[in-house]
């Protein structure tokens, strides 16, 4: 399980703000994602901590930025060895 690293692009068209009354929409979405994945991992028998504490978010504002981020995600695995977050 060590070394798993995620990049996720989430497209939001509409969110019911009543489902995330206190936190930002991104925090609510990520919290739900982490919760569901953690349940599945724990059901498989793995009991250790699964996630880093925080996450980085970025709002993609146009097609050019979207293409740049997709390229970054695609090439990221080969750069992970040199990443400061890789412990």
Protein backbone atom coordinates (compact mmCIF):
# COMPACT_ATOMS: atom_id res chain seq x y z
CA UNK A 1 0.00 0.00 0.00
CA UNK A 2 2.95 2.32 0.50
CA UNK A 3 3.61 4.84 -2.23
CA UNK A 4 0.12 5.08 -3.71
CA UNK A 5 -0.36 8.54 -5.13
CA UNK A 6 -3.56 10.00 -6.62
CA UNK A 7 -4.35 12.85 -8.94
CA UNK A 8 -8.03 13.37 -9.57
CA UNK A 9 -9.86 15.75 -11.85
CA UNK A 10 -13.41 16.26 -10.66
CA UNK A 11 -15.89 18.10 -12.85
CA UNK A 12 -18.69 19.73 -10.92
CA UNK A 13 -21.74 21.01 -12.72
CA UNK A 14 -24.05 21.21 -9.73
CA UNK A 15 -23.81 20.43 -6.05
CA UNK A 16 -26.58 20.54 -3.48
CA UNK A 17 -25.08 22.97 -0.99
CA UNK A 18 -27.22 21.46 1.79
CA UNK A 19 -25.11 18.28 1.61
CA UNK A 20 -21.95 20.28 2.52
CA UNK A 21 -23.23 23.01 4.85
CA UNK A 22 -20.06 23.78 6.85
CA UNK A 23 -17.11 22.98 4.60
CA UNK A 24 -16.09 23.91 1.11
CA UNK A 25 -17.45 21.82 -1.73
CA UNK A 26 -13.96 20.49 -2.52
CA UNK A 27 -13.43 19.41 1.09
CA UNK A 28 -16.81 17.70 1.13
CA UNK A 29 -16.10 15.82 -2.12
CA UNK A 30 -12.61 14.75 -1.03
CA UNK A 31 -13.85 13.73 2.42
CA UNK A 32 -16.52 11.52 0.84
CA UNK A 33 -14.00 10.02 -1.61
CA UNK A 34 -11.46 9.26 1.13
CA UNK A 35 -14.13 7.81 3.40
CA UNK A 36 -15.44 5.38 0.80
CA UNK A 37 -11.98 4.23 -0.31
CA UNK A 38 -10.86 3.83 3.33
CA UNK A 39 -13.86 1.59 4.06
CA UNK A 40 -12.98 -0.62 1.09
CA UNK A 41 -9.31 -0.80 2.08
CA UNK A 42 -10.15 -1.69 5.69
CA UNK A 43 -12.59 -4.38 4.50
CA UNK A 44 -9.69 -5.96 2.64
CA UNK A 45 -7.83 -6.33 5.96
CA UNK A 46 -5.41 -3.39 5.77
CA UNK A 47 -5.70 -1.40 9.02
CA UNK A 48 -2.92 1.20 8.84
CA UNK A 49 -3.35 4.86 8.08
CA UNK A 50 -4.28 5.37 4.45
CA UNK A 51 -4.23 9.08 3.62
CA UNK A 52 -1.97 12.07 4.07
CA UNK A 53 -3.60 14.81 6.15
CA UNK A 54 -4.26 17.44 3.49
CA UNK A 55 -4.76 17.71 -0.23
CA UNK A 56 -3.94 20.25 -2.89
CA UNK A 57 -6.71 21.68 -4.99
CA UNK A 58 -6.78 23.77 -8.09
CA UNK A 59 -9.65 25.19 -10.09
CA UNK A 60 -9.16 24.56 -13.80
CA UNK A 61 -10.40 27.62 -15.65
CA UNK A 62 -9.86 26.85 -19.32
CA UNK A 63 -8.99 24.15 -21.86
CA UNK A 64 -5.30 25.11 -22.00
CA UNK A 65 -4.91 24.74 -18.24
CA UNK A 66 -6.85 21.46 -18.38
CA UNK A 67 -4.45 20.10 -21.03
CA UNK A 68 -1.44 21.21 -18.96
CA UNK A 69 -2.76 19.46 -15.83
CA UNK A 70 -3.61 16.28 -17.76
CA UNK A 71 -0.02 16.23 -19.09
CA UNK A 72 1.33 16.75 -15.55
CA UNK A 73 -0.76 13.86 -14.24
CA UNK A 74 0.31 11.60 -17.11
CA UNK A 75 4.03 12.29 -16.60
CA UNK A 76 3.95 12.49 -12.79
CA UNK A 77 4.73 8.82 -12.01
CA UNK A 78 8.20 9.04 -13.55
CA UNK A 79 8.92 12.18 -11.48
CA UNK A 80 7.63 10.75 -8.18
CA UNK A 81 11.07 9.49 -7.17
CA UNK A 82 12.29 13.10 -6.94
CA UNK A 83 9.14 14.60 -5.38
CA UNK A 84 9.52 16.25 -1.95
CA UNK A 85 6.28 14.57 -0.79
CA UNK A 86 7.64 11.08 -1.50
CA UNK A 87 8.83 9.79 1.85
